[in-house]
């Protein structure tokens, strides 16, 4: 299982607003049934490596199909193999540290 940070930036749309295009990308993740979290700057996705990579490719293409003339997609993948990894687990580990506890 991996946790990925995906940011899709449409260019050449004629508007400074990008929410219409971001929504097209997020629809891909939802349709594929991947666990995800939309944030103000990116979409976090949890799943098997291959399915996440396939989804990112489809997200990129969905923005182009929506009319963007150029798309810049950035991807960060956290692939931890020594123990299970999840969106919640990563946040909980930081919160524990903030409370003075250990992971």
PDB file of N, CA and C in Angstrom:
ATOM      1  N   UNK A   1       0.845  -1.171   0.000  1.00  0.00           N
ATOM      2  CA  UNK A   1       0.000   0.000   0.000  1.00  0.00           C
ATOM      3  C   UNK A   1       0.891   1.235   0.000  1.00  0.00           C
ATOM      4  N   UNK A   2       0.507   2.235  -0.807  1.00  0.00           N
ATOM      5  CA  UNK A   2       1.246   3.492  -0.851  1.00  0.00           C
ATOM      6  C   UNK A   2       0.301   4.645  -0.546  1.00  0.00           C
ATOM      7  N   UNK A   3       0.898   5.752  -0.151  1.00  0.00           N
ATOM      8  CA  UNK A   3       0.186   7.016  -0.025  1.00  0.00           C
ATOM      9  C   UNK A   3       0.841   7.955  -1.016  1.00  0.00           C
ATOM     10  N   UNK A   4       0.030   8.605  -1.845  1.00  0.00           N
ATOM     11  CA  UNK A   4       0.566   9.485  -2.878  1.00  0.00           C
ATOM     12  C   UNK A   4      -0.054  10.871  -2.774  1.00  0.00           C
ATOM     13  N   UNK A   5       0.750  11.860  -3.113  1.00  0.00           N
ATOM     14  CA  UNK A   5       0.293  13.240  -3.205  1.00  0.00           C
ATOM     15  C   UNK A   5       0.286  13.601  -4.685  1.00  0.00           C
ATOM     16  N   UNK A   6      -0.877  13.985  -5.197  1.00  0.00           N
ATOM     17  CA  UNK A   6      -1.017  14.285  -6.619  1.00  0.00           C
ATOM     18  C   UNK A   6      -1.506  15.723  -6.768  1.00  0.00           C
ATOM     19  N   UNK A   7      -0.841  16.458  -7.637  1.00  0.00           N
ATOM     20  CA  UNK A   7      -1.270  17.807  -7.964  1.00  0.00           C
ATOM     21  C   UNK A   7      -1.328  17.922  -9.479  1.00  0.00           C
ATOM     22  N   UNK A   8      -2.485  18.328  -9.984  1.00  0.00           N
ATOM     23  CA  UNK A   8      -2.681  18.474 -11.424  1.00  0.00           C
ATOM     24  C   UNK A   8      -2.931  19.954 -11.703  1.00  0.00           C
ATOM     25  N   UNK A   9      -2.049  20.569 -12.479  1.00  0.00           N
ATOM     26  CA  UNK A   9      -2.131  21.996 -12.760  1.00  0.00           C
ATOM     27  C   UNK A   9      -2.451  22.226 -14.232  1.00  0.00           C
ATOM     28  N   UNK A  10      -3.684  22.641 -14.532  1.00  0.00           N
ATOM     29  CA  UNK A  10      -4.043  22.913 -15.925  1.00  0.00           C
ATOM     30  C   UNK A  10      -3.546  24.289 -16.348  1.00  0.00           C
ATOM     31  N   UNK A  11      -3.021  24.378 -17.548  1.00  0.00           N
ATOM     32  CA  UNK A  11      -2.571  25.653 -18.111  1.00  0.00           C
ATOM     33  C   UNK A  11      -3.294  25.872 -19.436  1.00  0.00           C
ATOM     34  N   UNK A  12      -3.355  27.114 -19.856  1.00  0.00           N
ATOM     35  CA  UNK A  12      -3.969  27.416 -21.142  1.00  0.00           C
ATOM     36  C   UNK A  12      -5.472  27.274 -21.127  1.00  0.00           C
ATOM     37  N   UNK A  13      -6.092  27.583 -19.989  1.00  0.00           N
ATOM     38  CA  UNK A  13      -7.545  27.444 -19.878  1.00  0.00           C
ATOM     39  C   UNK A  13      -8.274  28.765 -20.099  1.00  0.00           C
ATOM     40  N   UNK A  14      -7.539  29.860 -20.082  1.00  0.00           N
ATOM     41  CA  UNK A  14      -8.161  31.163 -20.240  1.00  0.00           C
ATOM     42  C   UNK A  14      -8.747  31.720 -18.957  1.00  0.00           C
ATOM     43  N   UNK A  15      -8.556  31.029 -17.837  1.00  0.00           N
ATOM     44  CA  UNK A  15      -9.107  31.465 -16.559  1.00  0.00           C
ATOM     45  C   UNK A  15      -8.133  31.146 -15.431  1.00  0.00           C
ATOM     46  N   UNK A  16      -8.077  32.003 -14.405  1.00  0.00           N
ATOM     47  CA  UNK A  16      -7.222  31.690 -13.255  1.00  0.00           C
ATOM     48  C   UNK A  16      -7.829  30.606 -12.356  1.00  0.00           C
ATOM     49  N   UNK A  17      -9.118  30.308 -12.500  1.00  0.00           N
ATOM     50  CA  UNK A  17      -9.773  29.278 -11.696  1.00  0.00           C
ATOM     51  C   UNK A  17      -9.456  27.896 -12.270  1.00  0.00           C
ATOM     52  N   UNK A  18      -9.136  26.962 -11.391  1.00  0.00           N
ATOM     53  CA  UNK A  18      -8.811  25.606 -11.848  1.00  0.00           C
ATOM     54  C   UNK A  18      -9.726  24.542 -11.252  1.00  0.00           C
ATOM     55  N   UNK A  19     -10.685  24.930 -10.429  1.00  0.00           N
ATOM     56  CA  UNK A  19     -11.514  23.942  -9.726  1.00  0.00           C
ATOM     57  C   UNK A  19     -12.274  23.021 -10.680  1.00  0.00           C
ATOM     58  N   UNK A  20     -12.706  23.519 -11.806  1.00  0.00           N
ATOM     59  CA  UNK A  20     -13.420  22.687 -12.783  1.00  0.00           C
ATOM     60  C   UNK A  20     -12.545  21.531 -13.253  1.00  0.00           C
ATOM     61  N   UNK A  21     -11.273  21.816 -13.467  1.00  0.00           N
ATOM     62  CA  UNK A  21     -10.335  20.810 -13.964  1.00  0.00           C
ATOM     63  C   UNK A  21      -9.907  19.858 -12.851  1.00  0.00           C
ATOM     64  N   UNK A  22      -9.691  20.404 -11.666  1.00  0.00           N
ATOM     65  CA  UNK A  22      -9.333  19.565 -10.523  1.00  0.00           C
ATOM     66  C   UNK A  22     -10.473  18.580 -10.241  1.00  0.00           C
ATOM     67  N   UNK A  23     -11.704  19.044 -10.354  1.00  0.00           N
ATOM     68  CA  UNK A  23     -12.857  18.156 -10.133  1.00  0.00           C
ATOM     69  C   UNK A  23     -12.844  16.987 -11.108  1.00  0.00           C
ATOM     70  N   UNK A  24     -12.457  17.223 -12.350  1.00  0.00           N
ATOM     71  CA  UNK A  24     -12.377  16.135 -13.339  1.00  0.00           C
ATOM     72  C   UNK A  24     -11.340  15.099 -12.905  1.00  0.00           C
ATOM     73  N   UNK A  25     -10.224  15.573 -12.363  1.00  0.00           N
ATOM     74  CA  UNK A  25      -9.172  14.662 -11.896  1.00  0.00           C
ATOM     75  C   UNK A  25      -9.644  13.858 -10.687  1.00  0.00           C
ATOM     76  N   UNK A  26     -10.318  14.514  -9.757  1.00  0.00           N
ATOM     77  CA  UNK A  26     -10.799  13.827  -8.553  1.00  0.00           C
ATOM     78  C   UNK A  26     -11.882  12.810  -8.903  1.00  0.00           C
ATOM     79  N   UNK A  27     -12.694  13.109  -9.901  1.00  0.00           N
ATOM     80  CA  UNK A  27     -13.709  12.152 -10.347  1.00  0.00           C
ATOM     81  C   UNK A  27     -13.077  10.818 -10.740  1.00  0.00           C
ATOM     82  N   UNK A  28     -11.899  10.872 -11.316  1.00  0.00           N
ATOM     83  CA  UNK A  28     -11.188   9.641 -11.699  1.00  0.00           C
ATOM     84  C   UNK A  28     -10.903   8.802 -10.460  1.00  0.00           C
ATOM     85  N   UNK A  29     -10.383   9.424  -9.425  1.00  0.00           N
ATOM     86  CA  UNK A  29     -10.036   8.717  -8.188  1.00  0.00           C
ATOM     87  C   UNK A  29     -11.288   8.108  -7.560  1.00  0.00           C
ATOM     88  N   UNK A  30     -12.358   8.882  -7.539  1.00  0.00           N
ATOM     89  CA  UNK A  30     -13.620   8.385  -6.964  1.00  0.00           C
ATOM     90  C   UNK A  30     -14.171   7.215  -7.764  1.00  0.00           C
ATOM     91  N   UNK A  31     -14.160   7.347  -9.073  1.00  0.00           N
ATOM     92  CA  UNK A  31     -14.682   6.278  -9.930  1.00  0.00           C
ATOM     93  C   UNK A  31     -13.892   4.987  -9.732  1.00  0.00           C
ATOM     94  N   UNK A  32     -12.600   5.104  -9.501  1.00  0.00           N
ATOM     95  CA  UNK A  32     -11.757   3.922  -9.288  1.00  0.00           C
ATOM     96  C   UNK A  32     -11.898   3.367  -7.870  1.00  0.00           C
ATOM     97  N   UNK A  33     -12.586   4.082  -7.003  1.00  0.00           N
ATOM     98  CA  UNK A  33     -12.816   3.606  -5.644  1.00  0.00           C
ATOM     99  C   UNK A  33     -11.610   3.692  -4.732  1.00  0.00           C
ATOM    100  N   UNK A  34     -10.668   4.555  -5.065  1.00  0.00           N
ATOM    101  CA  UNK A  34      -9.475   4.697  -4.232  1.00  0.00           C
ATOM    102  C   UNK A  34      -9.761   5.618  -3.048  1.00  0.00           C
ATOM    103  N   UNK A  35      -9.222   5.254  -1.919  1.00  0.00           N
ATOM    104  CA  UNK A  35      -9.332   6.110  -0.745  1.00  0.00           C
ATOM    105  C   UNK A  35      -8.556   7.390  -1.045  1.00  0.00           C
ATOM    106  N   UNK A  36      -9.148   8.542  -0.751  1.00  0.00           N
ATOM    107  CA  UNK A  36      -8.486   9.797  -1.090  1.00  0.00           C
ATOM    108  C   UNK A  36      -8.945  10.915  -0.165  1.00  0.00           C
ATOM    109  N   UNK A  37      -8.197  11.996  -0.234  1.00  0.00           N
ATOM    110  CA  UNK A  37      -8.515  13.184   0.547  1.00  0.00           C
ATOM    111  C   UNK A  37      -8.138  14.391  -0.306  1.00  0.00           C
ATOM    112  N   UNK A  38      -9.114  15.236  -0.598  1.00  0.00           N
ATOM    113  CA  UNK A  38      -8.863  16.453  -1.359  1.00  0.00           C
ATOM    114  C   UNK A  38      -8.450  17.539  -0.372  1.00  0.00           C
ATOM    115  N   UNK A  39      -7.340  18.198  -0.647  1.00  0.00           N
ATOM    116  CA  UNK A  39      -6.890  19.306   0.187  1.00  0.00           C
ATOM    117  C   UNK A  39      -6.859  20.574  -0.666  1.00  0.00           C
ATOM    118  N   UNK A  40      -6.495  21.670  -0.049  1.00  0.00           N
ATOM    119  CA  UNK A  40      -6.462  22.948  -0.760  1.00  0.00           C
ATOM    120  C   UNK A  40      -5.415  22.983  -1.871  1.00  0.00           C
ATOM    121  N   UNK A  41      -4.384  22.146  -1.771  1.00  0.00           N
ATOM    122  CA  UNK A  41      -3.282  22.214  -2.725  1.00  0.00           C
ATOM    123  C   UNK A  41      -3.014  20.935  -3.501  1.00  0.00           C
ATOM    124  N   UNK A  42      -3.632  19.832  -3.085  1.00  0.00           N
ATOM    125  CA  UNK A  42      -3.366  18.563  -3.756  1.00  0.00           C
ATOM    126  C   UNK A  42      -4.441  17.553  -3.387  1.00  0.00           C
ATOM    127  N   UNK A  43      -4.340  16.386  -3.977  1.00  0.00           N
ATOM    128  CA  UNK A  43      -5.202  15.272  -3.609  1.00  0.00           C
ATOM    129  C   UNK A  43      -4.300  14.152  -3.103  1.00  0.00           C
ATOM    130  N   UNK A  44      -4.622  13.626  -1.932  1.00  0.00           N
ATOM    131  CA  UNK A  44      -3.891  12.505  -1.362  1.00  0.00           C
ATOM    132  C   UNK A  44      -4.643  11.233  -1.730  1.00  0.00           C
ATOM    133  N   UNK A  45      -3.896  10.223  -2.154  1.00  0.00           N
ATOM    134  CA  UNK A  45      -4.504   8.974  -2.611  1.00  0.00           C
ATOM    135  C   UNK A  45      -3.800   7.807  -1.940  1.00  0.00           C
ATOM    136  N   UNK A  46      -4.588   6.824  -1.507  1.00  0.00           N
ATOM    137  CA  UNK A  46      -4.050   5.621  -0.874  1.00  0.00           C
ATOM    138  C   UNK A  46      -4.467   4.409  -1.696  1.00  0.00           C
ATOM    139  N   UNK A  47      -3.525   3.501  -1.944  1.00  0.00           N
ATOM    140  CA  UNK A  47      -3.853   2.285  -2.678  1.00  0.00           C
ATOM    141  C   UNK A  47      -2.609   1.518  -3.049  1.00  0.00           C
ATOM    142  N   UNK A  48      -2.790   0.466  -3.814  1.00  0.00           N
ATOM    143  CA  UNK A  48      -1.650  -0.296  -4.311  1.00  0.00           C
ATOM    144  C   UNK A  48      -0.906   0.557  -5.346  1.00  0.00           C
ATOM    145  N   UNK A  49       0.395   0.405  -5.405  1.00  0.00           N
ATOM    146  CA  UNK A  49       1.233   1.244  -6.261  1.00  0.00           C
ATOM    147  C   UNK A  49       0.740   1.290  -7.698  1.00  0.00           C
ATOM    148  N   UNK A  50       0.496   0.131  -8.290  1.00  0.00           N
ATOM    149  CA  UNK A  50       0.075   0.098  -9.699  1.00  0.00           C
ATOM    150  C   UNK A  50      -1.246   0.829  -9.920  1.00  0.00           C
ATOM    151  N   UNK A  51      -2.209   0.633  -9.020  1.00  0.00           N
ATOM    152  CA  UNK A  51      -3.503   1.277  -9.212  1.00  0.00           C
ATOM    153  C   UNK A  51      -3.405   2.789  -9.020  1.00  0.00           C
ATOM    154  N   UNK A  52      -2.546   3.237  -8.127  1.00  0.00           N
ATOM    155  CA  UNK A  52      -2.354   4.678  -7.938  1.00  0.00           C
ATOM    156  C   UNK A  52      -1.688   5.283  -9.171  1.00  0.00           C
ATOM    157  N   UNK A  53      -0.659   4.613  -9.691  1.00  0.00           N
ATOM    158  CA  UNK A  53       0.022   5.137 -10.882  1.00  0.00           C
ATOM    159  C   UNK A  53      -0.914   5.189 -12.088  1.00  0.00           C
ATOM    160  N   UNK A  54      -1.742   4.169 -12.244  1.00  0.00           N
ATOM    161  CA  UNK A  54      -2.720   4.178 -13.339  1.00  0.00           C
ATOM    162  C   UNK A  54      -3.722   5.314 -13.159  1.00  0.00           C
ATOM    163  N   UNK A  55      -4.156   5.549 -11.939  1.00  0.00           N
ATOM    164  CA  UNK A  55      -5.109   6.619 -11.664  1.00  0.00           C
ATOM    165  C   UNK A  55      -4.502   7.982 -11.966  1.00  0.00           C
ATOM    166  N   UNK A  56      -3.233   8.181 -11.615  1.00  0.00           N
ATOM    167  CA  UNK A  56      -2.574   9.462 -11.879  1.00  0.00           C
ATOM    168  C   UNK A  56      -2.500   9.731 -13.381  1.00  0.00           C
ATOM    169  N   UNK A  57      -2.184   8.718 -14.150  1.00  0.00           N
ATOM    170  CA  UNK A  57      -2.163   8.880 -15.606  1.00  0.00           C
ATOM    171  C   UNK A  57      -3.548   9.284 -16.117  1.00  0.00           C
ATOM    172  N   UNK A  58      -4.568   8.615 -15.606  1.00  0.00           N
ATOM    173  CA  UNK A  58      -5.930   8.927 -16.038  1.00  0.00           C
ATOM    174  C   UNK A  58      -6.363  10.322 -15.570  1.00  0.00           C
ATOM    175  N   UNK A  59      -5.928  10.738 -14.385  1.00  0.00           N
ATOM    176  CA  UNK A  59      -6.229  12.085 -13.892  1.00  0.00           C
ATOM    177  C   UNK A  59      -5.639  13.130 -14.835  1.00  0.00           C
ATOM    178  N   UNK A  60      -4.405  12.923 -15.218  1.00  0.00           N
ATOM    179  CA  UNK A  60      -3.693  13.824 -16.134  1.00  0.00           C
ATOM    180  C   UNK A  60      -4.469  13.937 -17.458  1.00  0.00           C
ATOM    181  N   UNK A  61      -4.843  12.801 -18.012  1.00  0.00           N
ATOM    182  CA  UNK A  61      -5.574  12.779 -19.283  1.00  0.00           C
ATOM    183  C   UNK A  61      -6.955  13.419 -19.157  1.00  0.00           C
ATOM    184  N   UNK A  62      -7.622  13.239 -18.015  1.00  0.00           N
ATOM    185  CA  UNK A  62      -8.959  13.810 -17.819  1.00  0.00           C
ATOM    186  C   UNK A  62      -8.923  15.331 -17.885  1.00  0.00           C
ATOM    187  N   UNK A  63      -7.855  15.923 -17.366  1.00  0.00           N
ATOM    188  CA  UNK A  63      -7.730  17.384 -17.395  1.00  0.00           C
ATOM    189  C   UNK A  63      -7.504  17.867 -18.821  1.00  0.00           C
ATOM    190  N   UNK A  64      -6.726  17.128 -19.575  1.00  0.00           N
ATOM    191  CA  UNK A  64      -6.539  17.483 -20.992  1.00  0.00           C
ATOM    192  C   UNK A  64      -7.856  17.355 -21.757  1.00  0.00           C
ATOM    193  N   UNK A  65      -8.586  16.279 -21.511  1.00  0.00           N
ATOM    194  CA  UNK A  65      -9.883  16.085 -22.179  1.00  0.00           C
ATOM    195  C   UNK A  65     -10.882  17.179 -21.806  1.00  0.00           C
ATOM    196  N   UNK A  66     -10.721  17.738 -20.611  1.00  0.00           N
ATOM    197  CA  UNK A  66     -11.631  18.796 -20.152  1.00  0.00           C
ATOM    198  C   UNK A  66     -11.345  20.139 -20.823  1.00  0.00           C
ATOM    199  N   UNK A  67     -10.246  20.198 -21.588  1.00  0.00           N
ATOM    200  CA  UNK A  67      -9.970  21.415 -22.344  1.00  0.00           C
ATOM    201  C   UNK A  67      -8.699  22.163 -22.009  1.00  0.00           C
ATOM    202  N   UNK A  68      -7.970  21.708 -20.996  1.00  0.00           N
ATOM    203  CA  UNK A  68      -6.691  22.362 -20.709  1.00  0.00           C
ATOM    204  C   UNK A  68      -5.752  22.118 -21.888  1.00  0.00           C
ATOM    205  N   UNK A  69      -5.023  23.137 -22.264  1.00  0.00           N
ATOM    206  CA  UNK A  69      -4.118  22.991 -23.400  1.00  0.00           C
ATOM    207  C   UNK A  69      -2.764  22.429 -22.967  1.00  0.00           C
ATOM    208  N   UNK A  70      -2.509  22.499 -21.680  1.00  0.00           N
ATOM    209  CA  UNK A  70      -1.249  21.986 -21.129  1.00  0.00           C
ATOM    210  C   UNK A  70      -1.534  21.581 -19.686  1.00  0.00           C
ATOM    211  N   UNK A  71      -0.893  20.520 -19.230  1.00  0.00           N
ATOM    212  CA  UNK A  71      -1.092  20.042 -17.855  1.00  0.00           C
ATOM    213  C   UNK A  71       0.251  19.692 -17.237  1.00  0.00           C
ATOM    214  N   UNK A  72       0.457  20.184 -16.045  1.00  0.00           N
ATOM    215  CA  UNK A  72       1.634  19.800 -15.264  1.00  0.00           C
ATOM    216  C   UNK A  72       1.133  18.981 -14.086  1.00  0.00           C
ATOM    217  N   UNK A  73       1.551  17.724 -14.016  1.00  0.00           N
ATOM    218  CA  UNK A  73       1.137  16.826 -12.939  1.00  0.00           C
ATOM    219  C   UNK A  73       2.361  16.484 -12.101  1.00  0.00           C
ATOM    220  N   UNK A  74       2.242  16.696 -10.794  1.00  0.00           N
ATOM    221  CA  UNK A  74       3.324  16.316  -9.892  1.00  0.00           C
ATOM    222  C   UNK A  74       2.832  15.181  -9.001  1.00  0.00           C
ATOM    223  N   UNK A  75       3.749  14.285  -8.692  1.00  0.00           N
ATOM    224  CA  UNK A  75       3.410  13.102  -7.913  1.00  0.00           C
ATOM    225  C   UNK A  75       4.525  12.803  -6.916  1.00  0.00           C
ATOM    226  N   UNK A  76       4.121  12.594  -5.664  1.00  0.00           N
ATOM    227  CA  UNK A  76       5.026  12.097  -4.627  1.00  0.00           C
ATOM    228  C   UNK A  76       4.428  10.789  -4.142  1.00  0.00           C
ATOM    229  N   UNK A  77       5.254   9.774  -3.998  1.00  0.00           N
ATOM    230  CA  UNK A  77       4.786   8.471  -3.535  1.00  0.00           C
ATOM    231  C   UNK A  77       5.557   8.066  -2.290  1.00  0.00           C
ATOM    232  N   UNK A  78       4.819   7.727  -1.236  1.00  0.00           N
ATOM    233  CA  UNK A  78       5.402   7.193  -0.007  1.00  0.00           C
ATOM    234  C   UNK A  78       5.105   5.703  -0.008  1.00  0.00           C
ATOM    235  N   UNK A  79       6.134   4.899  -0.194  1.00  0.00           N
ATOM    236  CA  UNK A  79       5.997   3.446  -0.300  1.00  0.00           C
ATOM    237  C   UNK A  79       6.793   2.818   0.830  1.00  0.00           C
ATOM    238  N   UNK A  80       6.150   2.637   1.967  1.00  0.00           N
ATOM    239  CA  UNK A  80       6.817   2.075   3.138  1.00  0.00           C
ATOM    240  C   UNK A  80       6.545   0.586   3.192  1.00  0.00           C
ATOM    241  N   UNK A  81       7.599  -0.214   3.318  1.00  0.00           N
ATOM    242  CA  UNK A  81       7.441  -1.671   3.264  1.00  0.00           C
ATOM    243  C   UNK A  81       7.613  -2.367   4.611  1.00  0.00           C
ATOM    244  N   UNK A  82       8.057  -1.639   5.646  1.00  0.00           N
ATOM    245  CA  UNK A  82       8.310  -2.304   6.924  1.00  0.00           C
ATOM    246  C   UNK A  82       7.073  -2.393   7.820  1.00  0.00           C
ATOM    247  N   UNK A  83       6.014  -1.635   7.497  1.00  0.00           N
ATOM    248  CA  UNK A  83       4.765  -1.720   8.237  1.00  0.00           C
ATOM    249  C   UNK A  83       3.653  -1.057   7.416  1.00  0.00           C
ATOM    250  N   UNK A  84       2.408  -1.317   7.772  1.00  0.00           N
ATOM    251  CA  UNK A  84       1.295  -0.753   6.993  1.00  0.00           C
ATOM    252  C   UNK A  84       1.316   0.775   6.982  1.00  0.00           C
ATOM    253  N   UNK A  85       0.859   1.331   5.882  1.00  0.00           N
ATOM    254  CA  UNK A  85       0.866   2.772   5.674  1.00  0.00           C
ATOM    255  C   UNK A  85      -0.541   3.211   5.294  1.00  0.00           C
ATOM    256  N   UNK A  86      -1.005   4.301   5.901  1.00  0.00           N
ATOM    257  CA  UNK A  86      -2.329   4.819   5.552  1.00  0.00           C
ATOM    258  C   UNK A  86      -2.344   6.331   5.721  1.00  0.00           C
ATOM    259  N   UNK A  87      -3.331   6.964   5.107  1.00  0.00           N
ATOM    260  CA  UNK A  87      -3.492   8.410   5.257  1.00  0.00           C
ATOM    261  C   UNK A  87      -3.659   8.772   6.733  1.00  0.00           C
ATOM    262  N   UNK A  88      -4.560   8.061   7.418  1.00  0.00           N
ATOM    263  CA  UNK A  88      -4.816   8.349   8.828  1.00  0.00           C
ATOM    264  C   UNK A  88      -3.589   8.090   9.696  1.00  0.00           C
ATOM    265  N   UNK A  89      -2.893   7.009   9.412  1.00  0.00           N
ATOM    266  CA  UNK A  89      -1.727   6.655  10.214  1.00  0.00           C
ATOM    267  C   UNK A  89      -0.632   7.700  10.161  1.00  0.00           C
ATOM    268  N   UNK A  90      -0.436   8.288   9.002  1.00  0.00           N
ATOM    269  CA  UNK A  90       0.592   9.316   8.868  1.00  0.00           C
ATOM    270  C   UNK A  90       0.236  10.552   9.700  1.00  0.00           C
ATOM    271  N   UNK A  91      -1.031  10.936   9.676  1.00  0.00           N
ATOM    272  CA  UNK A  91      -1.481  12.097  10.445  1.00  0.00           C
ATOM    273  C   UNK A  91      -1.430  11.788  11.940  1.00  0.00           C
ATOM    274  N   UNK A  92      -1.887  10.612  12.328  1.00  0.00           N
ATOM    275  CA  UNK A  92      -1.880  10.223  13.737  1.00  0.00           C
ATOM    276  C   UNK A  92      -0.471  10.218  14.316  1.00  0.00           C
ATOM    277  N   UNK A  93       0.507   9.789  13.542  1.00  0.00           N
ATOM    278  CA  UNK A  93       1.889   9.753  14.027  1.00  0.00           C
ATOM    279  C   UNK A  93       2.383  11.160  14.368  1.00  0.00           C
ATOM    280  N   UNK A  94       2.038  12.139  13.554  1.00  0.00           N
ATOM    281  CA  UNK A  94       2.453  13.518  13.819  1.00  0.00           C
ATOM    282  C   UNK A  94       1.698  14.070  15.026  1.00  0.00           C
ATOM    283  N   UNK A  95       0.390  13.792  15.097  1.00  0.00           N
ATOM    284  CA  UNK A  95      -0.401  14.279  16.226  1.00  0.00           C
ATOM    285  C   UNK A  95       0.106  13.728  17.553  1.00  0.00           C
ATOM    286  N   UNK A  96       0.506  12.456  17.575  1.00  0.00           N
ATOM    287  CA  UNK A  96       1.071  11.866  18.794  1.00  0.00           C
ATOM    288  C   UNK A  96       2.326  12.614  19.223  1.00  0.00           C
ATOM    289  N   UNK A  97       3.171  12.934  18.258  1.00  0.00           N
ATOM    290  CA  UNK A  97       4.401  13.675  18.571  1.00  0.00           C
ATOM    291  C   UNK A  97       4.071  15.055  19.122  1.00  0.00           C
ATOM    292  N   UNK A  98       3.063  15.699  18.567  1.00  0.00           N
ATOM    293  CA  UNK A  98       2.675  17.023  19.032  1.00  0.00           C
ATOM    294  C   UNK A  98       2.152  16.976  20.465  1.00  0.00           C
ATOM    295  N   UNK A  99       1.552  15.848  20.829  1.00  0.00           N
ATOM    296  CA  UNK A  99       1.039  15.666  22.200  1.00  0.00           C
ATOM    297  C   UNK A  99       2.131  15.208  23.158  1.00  0.00           C
ATOM    298  N   UNK A 100       3.340  15.043  22.663  1.00  0.00           N
ATOM    299  CA  UNK A 100       4.451  14.628  23.496  1.00  0.00           C
ATOM    300  C   UNK A 100       4.659  13.139  23.571  1.00  0.00           C
ATOM    301  N   UNK A 101       3.913  12.394  22.790  1.00  0.00           N
ATOM    302  CA  UNK A 101       4.043  10.931  22.799  1.00  0.00           C
ATOM    303  C   UNK A 101       5.043  10.451  21.779  1.00  0.00           C
ATOM    304  N   UNK A 102       5.189   9.162  21.702  1.00  0.00           N
ATOM    305  CA  UNK A 102       6.083   8.554  20.731  1.00  0.00           C
ATOM    306  C   UNK A 102       5.238   7.806  19.719  1.00  0.00           C
ATOM    307  N   UNK A 103       5.800   7.614  18.536  1.00  0.00           N
ATOM    308  CA  UNK A 103       5.102   6.881  17.467  1.00  0.00           C
ATOM    309  C   UNK A 103       5.029   5.416  17.758  1.00  0.00           C
TER     310      UNK A 103
END
